[in-house]
Amino acid sequence: MALQVMSAQDVIAQLHSFDTVIDARTEDEFALDHLPGAVNWPTLNNEERIVIGTMYKQVNAFEAKKRGAAIAARNIAAHLEREVIDKPRDWKPLAYCWRGGKRSGSLSLILDQIGFRVTLVEGGYKAFRAAVIEDIPRLVSPLHLQVVCGTTGSGKTRLLHALKSLGAQVLDLEDIARHRSSVLGAMPGMPQPSQKRFDTLVWETLRRFDTSKPVFIESESKKVGNVAVPSALIEKMRSSTCLDLALPVESRVELLLGDYDYLTKDPAYFCSRLDILAEFKGKVVVAAWKEKVMQGDLRPVVKDLLTTHYDPGYLQSMQRNFNAYAQAKTLSPADHSMAAMIEVAKTLV
């Protein structure tokens, strides 16, 4: 049975037809990004790849290939024992590695010899990555976006959650990026995905949308924390219909105290994040905020952050970057509760 080789574009179109997608790269490469639904069967693990790579440079390629083949054979045998013994004859796996196909090719050759119909991704993950970047503008182009605007603490994310609960299509970039898109938006213990992983997750979400229905998305800048939003998506957002979510400042303070409880429960961490603002607000102002935080007097600090730092910058950015912001329909929830956001969401869907 001959191994089947398929282009990345064809793989993307036929992903649903494979029973298992196998990533033969190291654990670190897999964590950085991988094909949708892939499982990691390293032909060489992190440490082994370093050892073999060093041998290539310090000894010679022939000795490195012998040692690498021995290690790869043991690892592949373990994967077969663990994952393949119970597979039926008609099991259809897809395999890939970085680019050249040596690691996935070794595994695939054995699976092919057993009698399985194996497919290799031509050009490996590198080709898949290029295909994803090329595909994002195509997926974005026909979308009818509804951009949820509103100053910090107005409940934009809550409204997106409410819309999603009612069956609306939602693209929550902050959820995908694991960041709340502000100076204080980093979430402790929750590292952001790599740029490559973020792009793939955005692409996966875009693929599922029905282009005949609106997609609700929060107004974002070009970066959400450390990851950049695809340029085609940013351009589409900035030319799309806007909705302006409005809450009184006191309600916004209460919402933020609830949603950013990881800051309020850890005053020392809150203060360390405030230090970042010294460059913009001055050391004296930040020192006064930090003193109040350590005393447990958080509300005036949050209110000051909103009215003197976040609001002016946000409004200037929206007026400068979002073409339809001046014509935005105003949404006024009864309060900052999820129940109130659901009532607003009902008027949109």
C-alpha atoms as a PDB file:
ATOM      1  CA  MET A   1       0.000   0.000   0.000  1.00  0.00           C
ATOM      2  CA  ALA A   2       1.582   3.328  -1.093  1.00  0.00           C
ATOM      3  CA  LEU A   3       1.774   6.259   1.307  1.00  0.00           C
ATOM      4  CA  GLN A   4      -0.525   9.098   0.314  1.00  0.00           C
ATOM      5  CA  VAL A   5       0.890  12.636   0.341  1.00  0.00           C
ATOM      6  CA  MET A   6      -1.544  15.554   0.450  1.00  0.00           C
ATOM      7  CA  SER A   7      -1.027  19.318   0.224  1.00  0.00           C
ATOM      8  CA  ALA A   8      -1.763  21.434   3.294  1.00  0.00           C
ATOM      9  CA  GLN A   9      -4.665  23.121   1.480  1.00  0.00           C
ATOM     10  CA  ASP A  10      -6.258  19.757   0.671  1.00  0.00           C
ATOM     11  CA  VAL A  11      -5.676  18.539   4.236  1.00  0.00           C
ATOM     12  CA  ILE A  12      -7.477  21.607   5.572  1.00  0.00           C
ATOM     13  CA  ALA A  13     -10.424  20.922   3.290  1.00  0.00           C
ATOM     14  CA  GLN A  14     -10.573  17.240   4.294  1.00  0.00           C
ATOM     15  CA  LEU A  15      -9.585  17.293   7.984  1.00  0.00           C
ATOM     16  CA  HIS A  16     -12.915  15.743   8.961  1.00  0.00           C
ATOM     17  CA  SER A  17     -12.142  12.638   6.889  1.00  0.00           C
ATOM     18  CA  PHE A  18      -9.184  11.474   9.035  1.00  0.00           C
ATOM     19  CA  ASP A  19      -9.722   9.329  12.128  1.00  0.00           C
ATOM     20  CA  THR A  20      -6.587  10.555  13.921  1.00  0.00           C
ATOM     21  CA  VAL A  21      -4.253  13.491  13.227  1.00  0.00           C
ATOM     22  CA  ILE A  22      -0.755  12.614  14.469  1.00  0.00           C
ATOM     23  CA  ASP A  23       1.902  15.235  15.214  1.00  0.00           C
ATOM     24  CA  ALA A  24       5.278  13.487  15.252  1.00  0.00           C
ATOM     25  CA  ARG A  25       7.220  16.535  16.499  1.00  0.00           C
ATOM     26  CA  THR A  26       8.505  17.141  20.031  1.00  0.00           C
ATOM     27  CA  GLU A  27       6.285  18.119  22.945  1.00  0.00           C
ATOM     28  CA  ASP A  28       7.536  21.722  22.802  1.00  0.00           C
ATOM     29  CA  GLU A  29       6.849  22.043  19.077  1.00  0.00           C
ATOM     30  CA  PHE A  30       3.361  20.612  19.602  1.00  0.00           C
ATOM     31  CA  ALA A  31       2.635  23.035  22.464  1.00  0.00           C
ATOM     32  CA  LEU A  32       3.651  25.984  20.299  1.00  0.00           C
ATOM     33  CA  ASP A  33       0.935  25.086  17.774  1.00  0.00           C
ATOM     34  CA  HIS A  34      -0.547  22.097  15.966  1.00  0.00           C
ATOM     35  CA  LEU A  35      -3.257  21.049  13.536  1.00  0.00           C
ATOM     36  CA  PRO A  36      -6.837  21.015  14.898  1.00  0.00           C
ATOM     37  CA  GLY A  37      -7.531  17.905  16.955  1.00  0.00           C
ATOM     38  CA  ALA A  38      -3.977  16.585  16.649  1.00  0.00           C
ATOM     39  CA  VAL A  39      -2.431  14.183  19.149  1.00  0.00           C
ATOM     40  CA  ASN A  40       1.283  14.255  19.942  1.00  0.00           C
ATOM     41  CA  TRP A  41       3.337  11.102  19.221  1.00  0.00           C
ATOM     42  CA  PRO A  42       6.934  12.384  19.313  1.00  0.00           C
ATOM     43  CA  THR A  43       9.346  10.419  17.156  1.00  0.00           C
ATOM     44  CA  LEU A  44      12.044  12.168  19.198  1.00  0.00           C
ATOM     45  CA  ASN A  45      11.128  13.949  22.428  1.00  0.00           C
ATOM     46  CA  ASN A  46      12.492  17.324  23.510  1.00  0.00           C
ATOM     47  CA  GLU A  47      15.677  16.016  25.108  1.00  0.00           C
ATOM     48  CA  GLU A  48      16.349  13.393  22.436  1.00  0.00           C
ATOM     49  CA  ARG A  49      16.083  15.925  19.616  1.00  0.00           C
ATOM     50  CA  ILE A  50      18.678  18.144  21.349  1.00  0.00           C
ATOM     51  CA  VAL A  51      21.031  15.172  21.800  1.00  0.00           C
ATOM     52  CA  ILE A  52      20.761  14.110  18.147  1.00  0.00           C
ATOM     53  CA  GLY A  53      21.068  17.697  16.920  1.00  0.00           C
ATOM     54  CA  THR A  54      24.247  18.148  18.962  1.00  0.00           C
ATOM     55  CA  MET A  55      25.649  14.892  17.555  1.00  0.00           C
ATOM     56  CA  TYR A  56      24.998  16.146  13.999  1.00  0.00           C
ATOM     57  CA  LYS A  57      27.148  19.209  14.712  1.00  0.00           C
ATOM     58  CA  GLN A  58      29.855  17.753  16.938  1.00  0.00           C
ATOM     59  CA  VAL A  59      30.331  14.250  15.478  1.00  0.00           C
ATOM     60  CA  ASN A  60      28.794  13.724  12.009  1.00  0.00           C
ATOM     61  CA  ALA A  61      25.477  13.191  10.263  1.00  0.00           C
ATOM     62  CA  PHE A  62      25.923   9.429   9.788  1.00  0.00           C
ATOM     63  CA  GLU A  63      26.497   8.716  13.487  1.00  0.00           C
ATOM     64  CA  ALA A  64      23.629  11.028  14.423  1.00  0.00           C
ATOM     65  CA  LYS A  65      21.262   9.283  12.001  1.00  0.00           C
ATOM     66  CA  LYS A  66      22.118   5.849  13.438  1.00  0.00           C
ATOM     67  CA  ARG A  67      21.525   6.992  17.003  1.00  0.00           C
ATOM     68  CA  GLY A  68      18.396   8.909  16.021  1.00  0.00           C
ATOM     69  CA  ALA A  69      16.974   5.898  14.171  1.00  0.00           C
ATOM     70  CA  ALA A  70      17.448   3.675  17.225  1.00  0.00           C
ATOM     71  CA  ILE A  71      15.686   6.161  19.490  1.00  0.00           C
ATOM     72  CA  ALA A  72      12.916   6.799  16.963  1.00  0.00           C
ATOM     73  CA  ALA A  73      12.296   3.060  16.561  1.00  0.00           C
ATOM     74  CA  ARG A  74      11.840   2.625  20.312  1.00  0.00           C
ATOM     75  CA  ASN A  75       9.489   5.607  20.526  1.00  0.00           C
ATOM     76  CA  ILE A  76       7.431   4.504  17.526  1.00  0.00           C
ATOM     77  CA  ALA A  77       7.147   1.005  18.997  1.00  0.00           C
ATOM     78  CA  ALA A  78       5.805   2.510  22.227  1.00  0.00           C
ATOM     79  CA  HIS A  79       3.230   4.579  20.295  1.00  0.00           C
ATOM     80  CA  LEU A  80       2.117   1.451  18.395  1.00  0.00           C
ATOM     81  CA  GLU A  81       1.762  -0.559  21.602  1.00  0.00           C
ATOM     82  CA  ARG A  82      -0.155   2.229  23.326  1.00  0.00           C
ATOM     83  CA  GLU A  83      -2.352   3.604  20.536  1.00  0.00           C
ATOM     84  CA  VAL A  84      -2.514   1.334  17.481  1.00  0.00           C
ATOM     85  CA  ILE A  85      -3.066  -2.260  18.622  1.00  0.00           C
ATOM     86  CA  ASP A  86      -6.820  -1.777  18.972  1.00  0.00           C
ATOM     87  CA  LYS A  87      -7.299   0.151  15.714  1.00  0.00           C
ATOM     88  CA  PRO A  88      -9.455  -1.485  13.007  1.00  0.00           C
ATOM     89  CA  ARG A  89      -8.201  -2.141   9.466  1.00  0.00           C
ATOM     90  CA  ASP A  90     -10.075   0.876   8.066  1.00  0.00           C
ATOM     91  CA  TRP A  91      -8.495   3.381  10.515  1.00  0.00           C
ATOM     92  CA  LYS A  92      -7.280   6.393   8.506  1.00  0.00           C
ATOM     93  CA  PRO A  93      -4.509   8.441  10.184  1.00  0.00           C
ATOM     94  CA  LEU A  94      -2.936  11.695   8.999  1.00  0.00           C
ATOM     95  CA  ALA A  95       0.664  12.358  10.069  1.00  0.00           C
ATOM     96  CA  TYR A  96       3.004  15.331   9.891  1.00  0.00           C
ATOM     97  CA  CYS A  97       6.156  16.758  11.430  1.00  0.00           C
ATOM     98  CA  TRP A  98       7.951  20.076  10.895  1.00  0.00           C
ATOM     99  CA  ARG A  99       8.747  20.200   7.174  1.00  0.00           C
ATOM    100  CA  GLY A 100      10.932  17.482   5.684  1.00  0.00           C
ATOM    101  CA  GLY A 101       8.800  14.524   6.740  1.00  0.00           C
ATOM    102  CA  LYS A 102      11.552  12.350   8.237  1.00  0.00           C
ATOM    103  CA  ARG A 103       9.954  11.997  11.655  1.00  0.00           C
ATOM    104  CA  SER A 104       6.384  11.541  10.414  1.00  0.00           C
ATOM    105  CA  GLY A 105       7.667   9.483   7.475  1.00  0.00           C
ATOM    106  CA  SER A 106       9.295   6.928   9.780  1.00  0.00           C
ATOM    107  CA  LEU A 107       6.063   6.427  11.681  1.00  0.00           C
ATOM    108  CA  SER A 108       3.931   6.440   8.538  1.00  0.00           C
ATOM    109  CA  LEU A 109       6.082   3.840   6.776  1.00  0.00           C
ATOM    110  CA  ILE A 110       5.447   1.357   9.584  1.00  0.00           C
ATOM    111  CA  LEU A 111       1.721   2.127   9.697  1.00  0.00           C
ATOM    112  CA  ASP A 112       1.595   1.698   5.920  1.00  0.00           C
ATOM    113  CA  GLN A 113       3.379  -1.652   6.115  1.00  0.00           C
ATOM    114  CA  ILE A 114       0.836  -2.837   8.681  1.00  0.00           C
ATOM    115  CA  GLY A 115      -1.874  -2.078   6.154  1.00  0.00           C
ATOM    116  CA  PHE A 116      -3.381   1.217   7.276  1.00  0.00           C
ATOM    117  CA  ARG A 117      -4.178   3.951   4.760  1.00  0.00           C
ATOM    118  CA  VAL A 118      -1.813   6.682   5.940  1.00  0.00           C
ATOM    119  CA  THR A 119      -1.665  10.257   4.639  1.00  0.00           C
ATOM    120  CA  LEU A 120       1.312  12.600   5.066  1.00  0.00           C
ATOM    121  CA  VAL A 121       1.037  16.399   5.008  1.00  0.00           C
ATOM    122  CA  GLU A 122       3.274  17.664   2.219  1.00  0.00           C
ATOM    123  CA  GLY A 123       5.596  20.272   3.733  1.00  0.00           C
ATOM    124  CA  GLY A 124       4.467  19.385   7.262  1.00  0.00           C
ATOM    125  CA  TYR A 125       3.410  21.895   9.892  1.00  0.00           C
ATOM    126  CA  LYS A 126       5.275  24.703   8.111  1.00  0.00           C
ATOM    127  CA  ALA A 127       3.019  24.298   5.048  1.00  0.00           C
ATOM    128  CA  PHE A 128      -0.075  24.113   7.255  1.00  0.00           C
ATOM    129  CA  ARG A 129       0.922  27.342   8.994  1.00  0.00           C
ATOM    130  CA  ALA A 130       1.349  29.114   5.638  1.00  0.00           C
ATOM    131  CA  ALA A 131      -2.054  27.831   4.488  1.00  0.00           C
ATOM    132  CA  VAL A 132      -3.753  29.123   7.654  1.00  0.00           C
ATOM    133  CA  ILE A 133      -2.259  32.612   7.258  1.00  0.00           C
ATOM    134  CA  GLU A 134      -3.360  32.646   3.610  1.00  0.00           C
ATOM    135  CA  ASP A 135      -6.871  31.415   4.488  1.00  0.00           C
ATOM    136  CA  ILE A 136      -7.730  33.929   7.235  1.00  0.00           C
ATOM    137  CA  PRO A 137      -8.417  36.891   4.884  1.00  0.00           C
ATOM    138  CA  ARG A 138     -10.677  34.667   2.755  1.00  0.00           C
ATOM    139  CA  LEU A 139     -12.688  33.651   5.828  1.00  0.00           C
ATOM    140  CA  VAL A 140     -12.904  37.209   7.160  1.00  0.00           C
ATOM    141  CA  SER A 141     -14.007  38.864   3.917  1.00  0.00           C
ATOM    142  CA  PRO A 142     -17.680  37.744   3.818  1.00  0.00           C
ATOM    143  CA  LEU A 143     -18.354  38.183   7.554  1.00  0.00           C
ATOM    144  CA  HIS A 144     -21.012  40.608   8.776  1.00  0.00           C
ATOM    145  CA  LEU A 145     -19.390  41.835  11.999  1.00  0.00           C
ATOM    146  CA  GLN A 146     -21.196  43.631  14.826  1.00  0.00           C
ATOM    147  CA  VAL A 147     -18.461  45.285  16.895  1.00  0.00           C
ATOM    148  CA  VAL A 148     -19.335  45.650  20.578  1.00  0.00           C
ATOM    149  CA  CYS A 149     -17.725  48.886  21.780  1.00  0.00           C
ATOM    150  CA  GLY A 150     -17.804  50.466  25.214  1.00  0.00           C
ATOM    151  CA  THR A 151     -15.422  51.914  27.771  1.00  0.00           C
ATOM    152  CA  THR A 152     -13.525  49.634  30.147  1.00  0.00           C
ATOM    153  CA  GLY A 153     -15.856  47.904  32.595  1.00  0.00           C
ATOM    154  CA  SER A 154     -19.008  48.424  30.539  1.00  0.00           C
ATOM    155  CA  GLY A 155     -19.512  44.655  30.272  1.00  0.00           C
ATOM    156  CA  LYS A 156     -18.497  43.921  26.687  1.00  0.00           C
ATOM    157  CA  THR A 157     -17.281  40.417  27.514  1.00  0.00           C
ATOM    158  CA  ARG A 158     -20.414  39.691  29.551  1.00  0.00           C
ATOM    159  CA  LEU A 159     -22.544  40.767  26.615  1.00  0.00           C
ATOM    160  CA  LEU A 160     -20.605  38.433  24.306  1.00  0.00           C
ATOM    161  CA  HIS A 161     -21.228  35.574  26.750  1.00  0.00           C
ATOM    162  CA  ALA A 162     -24.916  36.482  26.872  1.00  0.00           C
ATOM    163  CA  LEU A 163     -25.120  36.553  23.075  1.00  0.00           C
ATOM    164  CA  LYS A 164     -23.399  33.180  22.836  1.00  0.00           C
ATOM    165  CA  SER A 165     -25.817  31.690  25.381  1.00  0.00           C
ATOM    166  CA  LEU A 166     -28.679  32.737  23.101  1.00  0.00           C
ATOM    167  CA  GLY A 167     -27.123  31.018  20.096  1.00  0.00           C
ATOM    168  CA  ALA A 168     -25.516  34.036  18.423  1.00  0.00           C
ATOM    169  CA  GLN A 169     -22.167  33.725  16.643  1.00  0.00           C
ATOM    170  CA  VAL A 170     -19.384  35.208  18.776  1.00  0.00           C
ATOM    171  CA  LEU A 171     -15.652  35.685  18.210  1.00  0.00           C
ATOM    172  CA  ASP A 172     -14.170  36.260  21.682  1.00  0.00           C
ATOM    173  CA  LEU A 173     -10.568  37.264  21.002  1.00  0.00           C
ATOM    174  CA  GLU A 174      -9.768  37.872  24.678  1.00  0.00           C
ATOM    175  CA  ASP A 175     -10.874  34.358  25.571  1.00  0.00           C
ATOM    176  CA  ILE A 176      -8.723  32.891  22.795  1.00  0.00           C
ATOM    177  CA  ALA A 177      -5.761  35.105  23.806  1.00  0.00           C
ATOM    178  CA  ARG A 178      -6.231  34.456  27.543  1.00  0.00           C
ATOM    179  CA  HIS A 179      -5.853  38.144  28.235  1.00  0.00           C
ATOM    180  CA  ARG A 180      -8.229  41.016  28.972  1.00  0.00           C
ATOM    181  CA  SER A 181      -6.521  43.360  26.557  1.00  0.00           C
ATOM    182  CA  SER A 182      -5.328  46.073  28.917  1.00  0.00           C
ATOM    183  CA  VAL A 183      -2.310  46.962  31.019  1.00  0.00           C
ATOM    184  CA  LEU A 184      -3.940  45.096  33.916  1.00  0.00           C
ATOM    185  CA  GLY A 185      -5.351  42.362  31.689  1.00  0.00           C
ATOM    186  CA  ALA A 186      -2.809  39.574  32.272  1.00  0.00           C
ATOM    187  CA  MET A 187      -4.366  36.674  34.187  1.00  0.00           C
ATOM    188  CA  PRO A 188      -2.129  35.007  36.813  1.00  0.00           C
ATOM    189  CA  GLY A 189      -1.339  31.352  36.162  1.00  0.00           C
ATOM    190  CA  MET A 190      -2.814  31.533  32.661  1.00  0.00           C
ATOM    191  CA  PRO A 191      -0.063  32.006  30.063  1.00  0.00           C
ATOM    192  CA  GLN A 192      -1.037  33.362  26.688  1.00  0.00           C
ATOM    193  CA  PRO A 193      -0.826  31.083  23.637  1.00  0.00           C
ATOM    194  CA  SER A 194       1.987  31.575  21.156  1.00  0.00           C
ATOM    195  CA  GLN A 195       1.245  33.827  18.184  1.00  0.00           C
ATOM    196  CA  LYS A 196       1.052  30.738  15.972  1.00  0.00           C
ATOM    197  CA  ARG A 197      -1.408  29.021  18.320  1.00  0.00           C
ATOM    198  CA  PHE A 198      -3.530  32.167  18.579  1.00  0.00           C
ATOM    199  CA  ASP A 199      -3.712  32.455  14.786  1.00  0.00           C
ATOM    200  CA  THR A 200      -4.739  28.827  14.440  1.00  0.00           C
ATOM    201  CA  LEU A 201      -7.437  29.111  17.126  1.00  0.00           C
ATOM    202  CA  VAL A 202      -8.839  32.265  15.488  1.00  0.00           C
ATOM    203  CA  TRP A 203      -8.801  30.491  12.122  1.00  0.00           C
ATOM    204  CA  GLU A 204     -10.591  27.459  13.597  1.00  0.00           C
ATOM    205  CA  THR A 205     -13.325  29.711  14.980  1.00  0.00           C
ATOM    206  CA  LEU A 206     -13.705  31.640  11.726  1.00  0.00           C
ATOM    207  CA  ARG A 207     -14.183  28.384   9.791  1.00  0.00           C
ATOM    208  CA  ARG A 208     -17.278  27.512  11.828  1.00  0.00           C
ATOM    209  CA  PHE A 209     -19.220  30.707  11.142  1.00  0.00           C
ATOM    210  CA  ASP A 210     -22.316  30.934   8.968  1.00  0.00           C
ATOM    211  CA  THR A 211     -21.619  33.961   6.780  1.00  0.00           C
ATOM    212  CA  SER A 212     -25.346  34.640   6.360  1.00  0.00           C
ATOM    213  CA  LYS A 213     -25.617  35.524  10.062  1.00  0.00           C
ATOM    214  CA  PRO A 214     -23.909  38.311  12.049  1.00  0.00           C
ATOM    215  CA  VAL A 215     -20.813  37.689  14.141  1.00  0.00           C
ATOM    216  CA  PHE A 216     -20.427  39.666  17.374  1.00  0.00           C
ATOM    217  CA  ILE A 217     -16.918  40.695  18.365  1.00  0.00           C
ATOM    218  CA  GLU A 218     -15.466  43.067  20.959  1.00  0.00           C
ATOM    219  CA  SER A 219     -13.631  46.178  19.798  1.00  0.00           C
ATOM    220  CA  GLU A 220      -9.932  45.406  20.176  1.00  0.00           C
ATOM    221  CA  SER A 221      -6.641  47.053  19.391  1.00  0.00           C
ATOM    222  CA  LYS A 222      -4.081  45.383  17.151  1.00  0.00           C
ATOM    223  CA  LYS A 223      -2.697  43.389  20.074  1.00  0.00           C
ATOM    224  CA  VAL A 224      -4.408  41.446  22.859  1.00  0.00           C
ATOM    225  CA  GLY A 225      -1.666  41.224  25.435  1.00  0.00           C
ATOM    226  CA  ASN A 226       1.342  39.805  23.598  1.00  0.00           C
ATOM    227  CA  VAL A 227      -0.458  38.380  20.562  1.00  0.00           C
ATOM    228  CA  ALA A 228      -1.386  40.303  17.410  1.00  0.00           C
ATOM    229  CA  VAL A 229      -4.845  40.099  15.872  1.00  0.00           C
ATOM    230  CA  PRO A 230      -4.659  39.087  12.173  1.00  0.00           C
ATOM    231  CA  SER A 231      -4.491  42.274  10.106  1.00  0.00           C
ATOM    232  CA  ALA A 232      -7.384  41.238   7.830  1.00  0.00           C
ATOM    233  CA  LEU A 233      -9.615  40.861  10.882  1.00  0.00           C
ATOM    234  CA  ILE A 234      -8.574  44.212  12.369  1.00  0.00           C
ATOM    235  CA  GLU A 235      -9.308  45.972   9.073  1.00  0.00           C
ATOM    236  CA  LYS A 236     -12.715  44.281   8.845  1.00  0.00           C
ATOM    237  CA  MET A 237     -13.576  45.248  12.432  1.00  0.00           C
ATOM    238  CA  ARG A 238     -12.645  48.868  11.861  1.00  0.00           C
ATOM    239  CA  SER A 239     -14.954  49.171   8.870  1.00  0.00           C
ATOM    240  CA  SER A 240     -17.905  47.306  10.433  1.00  0.00           C
ATOM    241  CA  THR A 241     -21.087  48.296  12.265  1.00  0.00           C
ATOM    242  CA  CYS A 242     -20.530  49.335  15.878  1.00  0.00           C
ATOM    243  CA  LEU A 243     -22.646  48.928  19.026  1.00  0.00           C
ATOM    244  CA  ASP A 244     -21.878  51.127  22.038  1.00  0.00           C
ATOM    245  CA  LEU A 245     -22.426  49.480  25.425  1.00  0.00           C
ATOM    246  CA  ALA A 246     -22.915  52.110  28.146  1.00  0.00           C
ATOM    247  CA  LEU A 247     -22.944  51.747  31.936  1.00  0.00           C
ATOM    248  CA  PRO A 248     -22.650  54.401  34.680  1.00  0.00           C
ATOM    249  CA  VAL A 249     -19.166  54.662  36.124  1.00  0.00           C
ATOM    250  CA  GLU A 250     -20.196  53.284  39.539  1.00  0.00           C
ATOM    251  CA  SER A 251     -21.617  50.156  37.894  1.00  0.00           C
ATOM    252  CA  ARG A 252     -18.406  49.773  35.895  1.00  0.00           C
ATOM    253  CA  VAL A 253     -16.369  49.945  39.106  1.00  0.00           C
ATOM    254  CA  GLU A 254     -18.477  47.174  40.650  1.00  0.00           C
ATOM    255  CA  LEU A 255     -18.195  45.046  37.526  1.00  0.00           C
ATOM    256  CA  LEU A 256     -14.406  45.355  37.450  1.00  0.00           C
ATOM    257  CA  LEU A 257     -14.068  44.569  41.160  1.00  0.00           C
ATOM    258  CA  GLY A 258     -15.929  41.334  40.443  1.00  0.00           C
ATOM    259  CA  ASP A 259     -14.290  40.388  37.154  1.00  0.00           C
ATOM    260  CA  TYR A 260     -10.764  41.288  38.265  1.00  0.00           C
ATOM    261  CA  ASP A 261     -11.025  39.587  41.657  1.00  0.00           C
ATOM    262  CA  TYR A 262      -7.537  38.101  41.173  1.00  0.00           C
ATOM    263  CA  LEU A 263      -6.257  41.674  41.561  1.00  0.00           C
ATOM    264  CA  THR A 264      -8.443  42.623  44.499  1.00  0.00           C
ATOM    265  CA  LYS A 265      -7.587  39.430  46.408  1.00  0.00           C
ATOM    266  CA  ASP A 266      -3.847  39.961  45.970  1.00  0.00           C
ATOM    267  CA  PRO A 267      -2.950  43.593  46.785  1.00  0.00           C
ATOM    268  CA  ALA A 268       0.772  43.016  46.234  1.00  0.00           C
ATOM    269  CA  TYR A 269       0.142  41.702  42.705  1.00  0.00           C
ATOM    270  CA  PHE A 270      -2.268  44.590  42.014  1.00  0.00           C
ATOM    271  CA  CYS A 271       0.423  47.057  43.066  1.00  0.00           C
ATOM    272  CA  SER A 272       3.038  45.373  40.876  1.00  0.00           C
ATOM    273  CA  ARG A 273       0.721  45.817  37.882  1.00  0.00           C
ATOM    274  CA  LEU A 274       0.069  49.456  38.783  1.00  0.00           C
ATOM    275  CA  ASP A 275       3.821  50.098  38.591  1.00  0.00           C
ATOM    276  CA  ILE A 276       3.530  49.679  34.819  1.00  0.00           C
ATOM    277  CA  LEU A 277       1.395  52.844  34.739  1.00  0.00           C
ATOM    278  CA  ALA A 278       4.036  55.046  36.411  1.00  0.00           C
ATOM    279  CA  GLU A 279       5.381  55.909  32.961  1.00  0.00           C
ATOM    280  CA  PHE A 280       1.974  57.313  31.931  1.00  0.00           C
ATOM    281  CA  LYS A 281       0.514  58.706  35.182  1.00  0.00           C
ATOM    282  CA  GLY A 282       3.633  59.573  37.155  1.00  0.00           C
ATOM    283  CA  LYS A 283       5.196  57.947  40.218  1.00  0.00           C
ATOM    284  CA  VAL A 284       3.354  60.178  42.698  1.00  0.00           C
ATOM    285  CA  VAL A 285      -0.097  59.236  41.376  1.00  0.00           C
ATOM    286  CA  VAL A 286       0.749  55.530  41.231  1.00  0.00           C
ATOM    287  CA  ALA A 287       2.202  55.626  44.753  1.00  0.00           C
ATOM    288  CA  ALA A 288      -1.061  57.114  46.033  1.00  0.00           C
ATOM    289  CA  TRP A 289      -3.051  54.382  44.285  1.00  0.00           C
ATOM    290  CA  LYS A 290      -0.816  51.686  45.735  1.00  0.00           C
ATOM    291  CA  GLU A 291      -1.227  53.080  49.236  1.00  0.00           C
ATOM    292  CA  LYS A 292      -5.022  52.893  48.911  1.00  0.00           C
ATOM    293  CA  VAL A 293      -4.840  49.350  47.513  1.00  0.00           C
ATOM    294  CA  MET A 294      -2.734  48.162  50.449  1.00  0.00           C
ATOM    295  CA  GLN A 295      -5.299  49.732  52.776  1.00  0.00           C
ATOM    296  CA  GLY A 296      -8.092  47.837  51.035  1.00  0.00           C
ATOM    297  CA  ASP A 297      -9.661  51.017  49.661  1.00  0.00           C
ATOM    298  CA  LEU A 298     -10.022  49.797  46.087  1.00  0.00           C
ATOM    299  CA  ARG A 299     -13.059  51.611  44.707  1.00  0.00           C
ATOM    300  CA  PRO A 300     -11.510  55.082  44.380  1.00  0.00           C
ATOM    301  CA  VAL A 301      -8.440  53.552  42.718  1.00  0.00           C
ATOM    302  CA  VAL A 302     -10.533  51.685  40.135  1.00  0.00           C
ATOM    303  CA  LYS A 303     -12.657  54.787  39.501  1.00  0.00           C
ATOM    304  CA  ASP A 304      -9.536  56.901  38.983  1.00  0.00           C
ATOM    305  CA  LEU A 305      -8.098  54.307  36.609  1.00  0.00           C
ATOM    306  CA  LEU A 306     -11.290  54.429  34.568  1.00  0.00           C
ATOM    307  CA  THR A 307     -11.857  58.171  34.408  1.00  0.00           C
ATOM    308  CA  THR A 308      -8.263  59.415  34.126  1.00  0.00           C
ATOM    309  CA  HIS A 309      -6.483  56.615  32.264  1.00  0.00           C
ATOM    310  CA  TYR A 310      -8.687  54.145  30.405  1.00  0.00           C
ATOM    311  CA  ASP A 311     -11.635  56.272  29.256  1.00  0.00           C
ATOM    312  CA  PRO A 312      -9.753  59.134  27.523  1.00  0.00           C
ATOM    313  CA  GLY A 313      -7.463  56.754  25.663  1.00  0.00           C
ATOM    314  CA  TYR A 314     -10.293  54.422  24.691  1.00  0.00           C
ATOM    315  CA  LEU A 315     -12.529  57.145  23.310  1.00  0.00           C
ATOM    316  CA  GLN A 316      -9.716  58.684  21.279  1.00  0.00           C
ATOM    317  CA  SER A 317      -8.785  55.273  19.880  1.00  0.00           C
ATOM    318  CA  MET A 318     -12.375  54.415  18.920  1.00  0.00           C
ATOM    319  CA  GLN A 319     -12.983  57.739  17.195  1.00  0.00           C
ATOM    320  CA  ARG A 320      -9.687  57.461  15.324  1.00  0.00           C
ATOM    321  CA  ASN A 321      -9.831  53.790  14.285  1.00  0.00           C
ATOM    322  CA  PHE A 322     -13.465  52.651  13.954  1.00  0.00           C
ATOM    323  CA  ASN A 323     -15.184  54.271  10.986  1.00  0.00           C
ATOM    324  CA  ALA A 324     -18.752  53.653  12.172  1.00  0.00           C
ATOM    325  CA  TYR A 325     -18.257  54.431  15.866  1.00  0.00           C
ATOM    326  CA  ALA A 326     -19.962  57.849  15.617  1.00  0.00           C
ATOM    327  CA  GLN A 327     -23.109  56.113  14.296  1.00  0.00           C
ATOM    328  CA  ALA A 328     -23.050  53.311  16.894  1.00  0.00           C
ATOM    329  CA  LYS A 329     -26.345  52.211  18.411  1.00  0.00           C
ATOM    330  CA  THR A 330     -26.234  52.742  22.194  1.00  0.00           C
ATOM    331  CA  LEU A 331     -27.022  49.747  24.393  1.00  0.00           C
ATOM    332  CA  SER A 332     -27.963  50.572  28.003  1.00  0.00           C
ATOM    333  CA  PRO A 333     -28.276  47.555  30.331  1.00  0.00           C
ATOM    334  CA  ALA A 334     -30.336  48.003  33.495  1.00  0.00           C
ATOM    335  CA  ASP A 335     -27.202  47.158  35.508  1.00  0.00           C
ATOM    336  CA  HIS A 336     -23.968  45.171  35.182  1.00  0.00           C
ATOM    337  CA  SER A 337     -25.512  41.775  35.981  1.00  0.00           C
ATOM    338  CA  MET A 338     -25.522  38.862  33.571  1.00  0.00           C
ATOM    339  CA  ALA A 339     -29.341  38.907  33.624  1.00  0.00           C
ATOM    340  CA  ALA A 340     -29.320  42.504  32.378  1.00  0.00           C
ATOM    341  CA  MET A 341     -26.830  41.617  29.645  1.00  0.00           C
ATOM    342  CA  ILE A 342     -29.064  38.759  28.481  1.00  0.00           C
ATOM    343  CA  GLU A 343     -31.968  41.198  28.142  1.00  0.00           C
ATOM    344  CA  VAL A 344     -29.797  43.436  25.963  1.00  0.00           C
ATOM    345  CA  ALA A 345     -28.623  40.431  23.962  1.00  0.00           C
ATOM    346  CA  LYS A 346     -32.221  39.460  23.238  1.00  0.00           C
ATOM    347  CA  THR A 347     -32.704  42.780  21.438  1.00  0.00           C
ATOM    348  CA  LEU A 348     -29.775  41.930  19.140  1.00  0.00           C
ATOM    349  CA  VAL A 349     -30.650  38.357  18.181  1.00  0.00           C
END
